[in-house]
Structures are given as C-alpha cells and as structure tokens.
C-alpha cells in the first residue's frame, strides 16, 4: 500500500509541476484563444501575419504579441487593458502603419464602428 501511495504522490507532484510550467502559456496566443478576432493569414519561420477584426464594443482576452508592425485597415479607437491594471487608449487612422513593441494586453474596440488591422509579428531568427 505504501508503494502505491508513494507512486501516486510522485505522479501528483509531477502533474502539479507540469501544470505550473504550462499554465502561464495558456491564454497567450490570440489566434488560438480568440479566433473570432484573430486569424493567421501567413506564417513562416520569420513572421506571422494576423488579420485582426473587432465589431463595435467587442473585447478580446488577455494575450501577448511579440514586436512587429501593425497596419490599420480602418479607423479605430481601441482601449488596451494591461496586466498591471492600467490602460492605454489609441486613436488610429486608416492606412496608419506603426511599430509595436512586444506586449501583453486585453484589447477593447471602444469605437461605434468595426475595426480591422493587419499585424505582422516578427520571429527571432538567426543570422547566417
């Protein structure tokens, strides 16, 4: 009986450590956790191109992006809630192109119109 309890304890400890390591990775990729608003248009070993679409008043989930470039396809007004409880509001114009640093946020389209953008996420690559 003691061997079974010991094996069960070791298995439970292993499972706990596995979850502790992997849970922070959940809810990080918007294309998996919020496919209504994020769709991969192209992906290779250097970039991931994502189409972002939000209806008026729609929110996403907390997620992360690496650094990259965003191109606004429509005008937009977006509030970004950050993990520390602060928020940032952006007013963007159609055609505007901006560099974006790596970030973690929860976006909310606070405009009365749909918002659409293309995000080009950069992947770290080795120099040959």
C-alpha atoms as a PDB file:
ATOM      1  CA  UNK A   1       0.000   0.000   0.000  1.00  0.00           C
ATOM      2  CA  UNK A   2       2.852   2.403   0.779  1.00  0.00           C
ATOM      3  CA  UNK A   3       4.394   1.901  -2.686  1.00  0.00           C
ATOM      4  CA  UNK A   4       1.091   2.803  -4.351  1.00  0.00           C
ATOM      5  CA  UNK A   5       0.744   5.924  -2.180  1.00  0.00           C
ATOM      6  CA  UNK A   6       4.340   6.907  -2.952  1.00  0.00           C
ATOM      7  CA  UNK A   7       3.818   6.457  -6.709  1.00  0.00           C
ATOM      8  CA  UNK A   8       0.572   8.416  -6.501  1.00  0.00           C
ATOM      9  CA  UNK A   9       2.348  11.216  -4.618  1.00  0.00           C
ATOM     10  CA  UNK A  10       5.164  11.355  -7.186  1.00  0.00           C
ATOM     11  CA  UNK A  11       2.672  11.362 -10.066  1.00  0.00           C
ATOM     12  CA  UNK A  12       0.664  14.146  -8.400  1.00  0.00           C
ATOM     13  CA  UNK A  13       3.801  16.203  -7.798  1.00  0.00           C
ATOM     14  CA  UNK A  14       4.893  15.722 -11.421  1.00  0.00           C
ATOM     15  CA  UNK A  15       1.446  16.732 -12.695  1.00  0.00           C
ATOM     16  CA  UNK A  16       1.447  19.820 -10.454  1.00  0.00           C
ATOM     17  CA  UNK A  17       4.882  20.904 -11.736  1.00  0.00           C
ATOM     18  CA  UNK A  18       3.837  20.304 -15.346  1.00  0.00           C
ATOM     19  CA  UNK A  19       0.737  22.471 -14.908  1.00  0.00           C
ATOM     20  CA  UNK A  20       2.738  25.131 -13.087  1.00  0.00           C
ATOM     21  CA  UNK A  21       5.100  25.362 -16.042  1.00  0.00           C
ATOM     22  CA  UNK A  22       2.491  25.188 -18.820  1.00  0.00           C
ATOM     23  CA  UNK A  23      -0.445  27.206 -17.436  1.00  0.00           C
ATOM     24  CA  UNK A  24       1.299  30.576 -17.906  1.00  0.00           C
ATOM     25  CA  UNK A  25       1.473  29.727 -21.621  1.00  0.00           C
ATOM     26  CA  UNK A  26      -2.312  29.348 -21.856  1.00  0.00           C
ATOM     27  CA  UNK A  27      -4.344  32.390 -22.928  1.00  0.00           C
ATOM     28  CA  UNK A  28      -1.264  33.860 -24.569  1.00  0.00           C
ATOM     29  CA  UNK A  29      -1.866  33.306 -28.289  1.00  0.00           C
ATOM     30  CA  UNK A  30      -4.866  35.288 -29.519  1.00  0.00           C
ATOM     31  CA  UNK A  31      -5.240  33.204 -32.687  1.00  0.00           C
ATOM     32  CA  UNK A  32      -5.925  30.145 -30.539  1.00  0.00           C
ATOM     33  CA  UNK A  33      -7.786  31.738 -27.640  1.00  0.00           C
ATOM     34  CA  UNK A  34      -9.776  34.316 -29.627  1.00  0.00           C
ATOM     35  CA  UNK A  35     -10.162  33.101 -33.225  1.00  0.00           C
ATOM     36  CA  UNK A  36     -13.245  35.307 -33.665  1.00  0.00           C
ATOM     37  CA  UNK A  37     -10.975  38.371 -33.696  1.00  0.00           C
ATOM     38  CA  UNK A  38      -7.558  36.968 -34.795  1.00  0.00           C
ATOM     39  CA  UNK A  39      -6.818  34.937 -37.926  1.00  0.00           C
ATOM     40  CA  UNK A  40      -3.398  33.839 -39.196  1.00  0.00           C
ATOM     41  CA  UNK A  41      -3.086  34.852 -42.853  1.00  0.00           C
ATOM     42  CA  UNK A  42       0.523  33.712 -43.333  1.00  0.00           C
ATOM     43  CA  UNK A  43       3.178  32.149 -41.137  1.00  0.00           C
ATOM     44  CA  UNK A  44       6.742  31.064 -41.735  1.00  0.00           C
ATOM     45  CA  UNK A  45       9.955  30.906 -39.702  1.00  0.00           C
ATOM     46  CA  UNK A  46      10.409  34.710 -39.832  1.00  0.00           C
ATOM     47  CA  UNK A  47       6.933  36.284 -39.483  1.00  0.00           C
ATOM     48  CA  UNK A  48       3.330  35.629 -38.593  1.00  0.00           C
ATOM     49  CA  UNK A  49       0.757  37.826 -40.329  1.00  0.00           C
ATOM     50  CA  UNK A  50      -2.510  38.170 -38.412  1.00  0.00           C
ATOM     51  CA  UNK A  51      -5.777  39.767 -39.513  1.00  0.00           C
ATOM     52  CA  UNK A  52      -7.478  41.484 -36.575  1.00  0.00           C
ATOM     53  CA  UNK A  53     -11.203  42.288 -36.736  1.00  0.00           C
ATOM     54  CA  UNK A  54     -13.445  43.662 -33.990  1.00  0.00           C
ATOM     55  CA  UNK A  55     -17.070  44.705 -34.098  1.00  0.00           C
ATOM     56  CA  UNK A  56     -18.200  47.802 -32.209  1.00  0.00           C
ATOM     57  CA  UNK A  57     -17.745  47.339 -28.455  1.00  0.00           C
ATOM     58  CA  UNK A  58     -16.132  43.902 -28.751  1.00  0.00           C
ATOM     59  CA  UNK A  59     -13.377  42.769 -26.359  1.00  0.00           C
ATOM     60  CA  UNK A  60     -10.739  40.095 -26.569  1.00  0.00           C
ATOM     61  CA  UNK A  61      -8.949  38.085 -23.873  1.00  0.00           C
ATOM     62  CA  UNK A  62      -5.621  38.887 -22.219  1.00  0.00           C
ATOM     63  CA  UNK A  63      -2.893  37.771 -24.644  1.00  0.00           C
ATOM     64  CA  UNK A  64       0.622  38.531 -25.869  1.00  0.00           C
ATOM     65  CA  UNK A  65       2.280  39.623 -29.085  1.00  0.00           C
ATOM     66  CA  UNK A  66       5.984  39.804 -29.954  1.00  0.00           C
ATOM     67  CA  UNK A  67       7.238  43.027 -31.524  1.00  0.00           C
ATOM     68  CA  UNK A  68       6.122  43.811 -35.025  1.00  0.00           C
ATOM     69  CA  UNK A  69       4.261  46.160 -37.336  1.00  0.00           C
ATOM     70  CA  UNK A  70       0.540  46.959 -37.379  1.00  0.00           C
ATOM     71  CA  UNK A  71      -1.254  48.380 -40.427  1.00  0.00           C
ATOM     72  CA  UNK A  72      -4.703  49.875 -39.832  1.00  0.00           C
ATOM     73  CA  UNK A  73      -7.248  48.900 -42.495  1.00  0.00           C
ATOM     74  CA  UNK A  74      -9.950  51.086 -40.901  1.00  0.00           C
ATOM     75  CA  UNK A  75     -10.116  53.974 -38.476  1.00  0.00           C
ATOM     76  CA  UNK A  76     -10.183  52.727 -34.915  1.00  0.00           C
ATOM     77  CA  UNK A  77     -10.360  53.634 -31.264  1.00  0.00           C
ATOM     78  CA  UNK A  78      -9.080  50.863 -29.024  1.00  0.00           C
ATOM     79  CA  UNK A  79      -8.591  50.627 -25.280  1.00  0.00           C
ATOM     80  CA  UNK A  80      -5.829  48.261 -24.156  1.00  0.00           C
ATOM     81  CA  UNK A  81      -6.074  46.983 -20.583  1.00  0.00           C
ATOM     82  CA  UNK A  82      -2.653  45.955 -19.276  1.00  0.00           C
ATOM     83  CA  UNK A  83      -1.811  43.245 -16.713  1.00  0.00           C
ATOM     84  CA  UNK A  84      -0.858  45.863 -14.081  1.00  0.00           C
ATOM     85  CA  UNK A  85      -4.383  47.342 -14.151  1.00  0.00           C
ATOM     86  CA  UNK A  86      -3.544  50.412 -16.240  1.00  0.00           C
ATOM     87  CA  UNK A  87      -4.991  51.090 -19.676  1.00  0.00           C
ATOM     88  CA  UNK A  88      -3.991  52.896 -22.872  1.00  0.00           C
ATOM     89  CA  UNK A  89      -6.374  54.292 -25.481  1.00  0.00           C
ATOM     90  CA  UNK A  90      -5.275  54.554 -29.127  1.00  0.00           C
ATOM     91  CA  UNK A  91      -6.952  56.511 -31.920  1.00  0.00           C
ATOM     92  CA  UNK A  92      -5.795  55.150 -35.255  1.00  0.00           C
ATOM     93  CA  UNK A  93      -6.429  56.248 -38.828  1.00  0.00           C
ATOM     94  CA  UNK A  94      -6.960  54.006 -41.840  1.00  0.00           C
ATOM     95  CA  UNK A  95      -3.617  53.386 -43.582  1.00  0.00           C
ATOM     96  CA  UNK A  96      -1.554  54.222 -40.500  1.00  0.00           C
ATOM     97  CA  UNK A  97       1.433  51.933 -40.012  1.00  0.00           C
ATOM     98  CA  UNK A  98       3.129  51.647 -36.614  1.00  0.00           C
ATOM     99  CA  UNK A  99       5.911  49.733 -34.921  1.00  0.00           C
ATOM    100  CA  UNK A 100       4.628  47.872 -31.849  1.00  0.00           C
ATOM    101  CA  UNK A 101       6.778  46.592 -29.010  1.00  0.00           C
ATOM    102  CA  UNK A 102       6.202  43.158 -27.512  1.00  0.00           C
ATOM    103  CA  UNK A 103       3.188  43.459 -25.255  1.00  0.00           C
ATOM    104  CA  UNK A 104       0.561  41.714 -23.174  1.00  0.00           C
ATOM    105  CA  UNK A 105      -2.898  43.291 -23.202  1.00  0.00           C
ATOM    106  CA  UNK A 106      -6.660  42.905 -23.393  1.00  0.00           C
ATOM    107  CA  UNK A 107      -7.997  44.981 -26.322  1.00  0.00           C
ATOM    108  CA  UNK A 108     -11.466  46.536 -26.439  1.00  0.00           C
ATOM    109  CA  UNK A 109     -12.859  48.257 -29.541  1.00  0.00           C
ATOM    110  CA  UNK A 110     -14.466  51.344 -27.998  1.00  0.00           C
ATOM    111  CA  UNK A 111     -15.476  52.801 -31.376  1.00  0.00           C
ATOM    112  CA  UNK A 112     -19.019  52.629 -32.734  1.00  0.00           C
ATOM    113  CA  UNK A 113     -17.721  51.084 -35.969  1.00  0.00           C
ATOM    114  CA  UNK A 114     -15.888  47.848 -36.804  1.00  0.00           C
ATOM    115  CA  UNK A 115     -12.092  47.911 -36.637  1.00  0.00           C
ATOM    116  CA  UNK A 116      -9.728  45.912 -38.848  1.00  0.00           C
ATOM    117  CA  UNK A 117      -5.929  45.745 -38.922  1.00  0.00           C
ATOM    118  CA  UNK A 118      -3.049  43.563 -40.094  1.00  0.00           C
ATOM    119  CA  UNK A 119      -0.387  42.690 -37.530  1.00  0.00           C
ATOM    120  CA  UNK A 120       2.975  41.384 -38.713  1.00  0.00           C
ATOM    121  CA  UNK A 121       4.637  39.655 -35.764  1.00  0.00           C
ATOM    122  CA  UNK A 122       8.400  39.200 -36.036  1.00  0.00           C
ATOM    123  CA  UNK A 123      10.003  35.940 -35.025  1.00  0.00           C
ATOM    124  CA  UNK A 124      13.553  35.812 -33.765  1.00  0.00           C
ATOM    125  CA  UNK A 125      15.780  34.364 -36.459  1.00  0.00           C
ATOM    126  CA  UNK A 126      19.459  33.508 -36.507  1.00  0.00           C
ATOM    127  CA  UNK A 127      21.833  35.410 -38.758  1.00  0.00           C
ATOM    128  CA  UNK A 128      23.560  33.097 -41.215  1.00  0.00           C
END
